[in-house]
Amino acid sequence: MAIACGNTLKKEKDSTALELSETKKQQDSAIVVGANSTEEYLPLLQEKKVGVVANQTSIIFKHHNPEDSTIKPFTHLVDSLLSLNIDIEKVFAPEHGFRGMADAGEHVKDGTDAKTGIPIISLYGKNRKPTSSQLDSLDIVVFDIQDVGVRFYTYIATMQLVMEACAEKGIPVLVLDRPNPNGHYVDGPTMEIEHKGFLGLTPIPLVYGMTIGEYAHMINNEGWLENGIKADLTVINLRNYNHNSVYNIPVRPSPNLPNQTAINLYPSLGLFEGTNINAGRGTESQFQRYGAPFLDSTSYDFSYTPKPNFGSKNPKHSEKKCFGKDLSSWPRMSEVSLKWLIDAYNNATDKKLVFNRGGFTKHAGTEKLQQQIEAGLSEKEIKESWQKDLNNFRKIRSKYLLYN
C-alpha cells in the first residue's frame, strides 16, 4: 500500500509540475501590450512634463498567479505612471470620456479626475484637436487607447489630431500599441476624400487591419497630417502578437461594445448608425441585433424594445417594438457583411425611412454604397466594386506592418 501511495504522490507531483510548466509557456506566449513594456518607455518620460491621452482601456495588465494564465486588469496607466513619479500634467479625454461613461456623440466636459486630481481636457467637446495653449508646458504626449479597427470609430481620428497638434508644437508623441481585435482582415468601402470628417480623416477602408501603432506610422509617413508635417513619433510595440491573433478586450472599449461578439460585428452593424434602424442600443445586446418598427413584422420572428440604459440615454425607437434579427450567437467574422443592411432595406415597409440624409455617407465614407443598395445591387456586386481600392490600400499598408 505504501508503494502504491508513493507512486500516486509522485504522479500527482509530476502532473502539477507539468501543469505549471504549461501555464508558464502560456504566460510567456501571451500578448504583451505596449503599456506593459515600462522598461522601454519610462526613460522617455522621466524628468518630463507629460500629457496622456487615455480612457478606461489604458490599462497595464498582470498575471494574478502562476496557475492562472488569464491576463486581467491590474492598474490604470495614469495611476501606474504617477506611482513611478512621472509628472503627469494633464489627461486628454476622447469620445466617451476618461472613464468611458458618455454616450456616443455626447460632448465630454473638461474637469478634474476625482481619483488623482489631474486636470482632464476634453477632445470631444469644444475642440477635437488639442489647442496650442492646451499643449503649453508639455514635453511629451503619451497616447494609449484601445482601438477596434473600424474607420468610423473615433479614437483613431483623435490620435491623428493629437499627432498633428504635437507636430506643430515640436512635442514628441509616444504611442503605446495595443492589439486590433479586427486586425485579421481588410475590407469595406474606402473613404473618398470629399467625405472627410471626424468619422474618417484619411482615405482608408472601413476595416483597415492595422494596430493603432502601425496606423500611427502610416499617418505620419503618408503625409496625412496637415501640410505634410511629421510628428516626432515613437511606438512601443506589442510582443507575441500577429494579425491572426484572437484578442479579447477585457474592458469595454466604449459603452456600447460590451463583448467580443459586438466588437467583431461592429464593422458590419456599425453601418446602421447612419440609418434609422436600431443596432441594439438601448438593450444589453448592443451591435448584436438590429431592428426597427418599420421593418415588416411578417418577415421576422425576433423583436425587442429599446429602452434608455447605460451608454444610450436616447436610443433609436426608444420604448417602441422593433422587428429584426438577433445575431448574438453569430460566429467570428473575417469580412464586412452587407447582408443585414440589404435585408433591412428590402424589408422596410417604407424605404424612405431607412437612410439618414448625410449620416450614412459619413459612416460609409462614400455616397455610392447607399446608391448601390437602393439600386438593388447584390452584396457580391457591391463588394466587387471595392476591390481596386482595397488592393491599392493593401500595398500601402504592407509598408507599415510591424507584425506578421
Foldseek 3Di string as FASTA:
>chain_A
DVVVVVVVVVVVVVVVVVLLVVLVVLLVLDKAWLLQPCVVCVVVQPPFAEEEEAAQLQFHWDAPDSNGSDIDGDGHSVVVCVVVVGHYQAYEYEPCGRHQQAAGLDADDWDADPVPRHTYHYLRHPHVADDLVNCPRGQAYEYEAFDQQFQQPQPLVSVLSPQLSCLVVQHAYEYTWDDHQLLQAAAAAFADCVLADSRHNDRGGRGHNAISQLVLVLCQPVQSHPPSGHHNYDYRDMPSDASVDRDWRNDPSHFQQDTSVQSQLCSALVLQQQWLKFQQAQHPQHNQWIWDPQFDQVVAPDKDAHAADRNRNDTRRHRHITGTDGRNPPDGDNYHDCVRVLNRCVRGNDNVRTGDVSSSCSSNSHPVVVVCSVVPHDPVVVRVVRPVVRVVSVVSSVVRHPHD
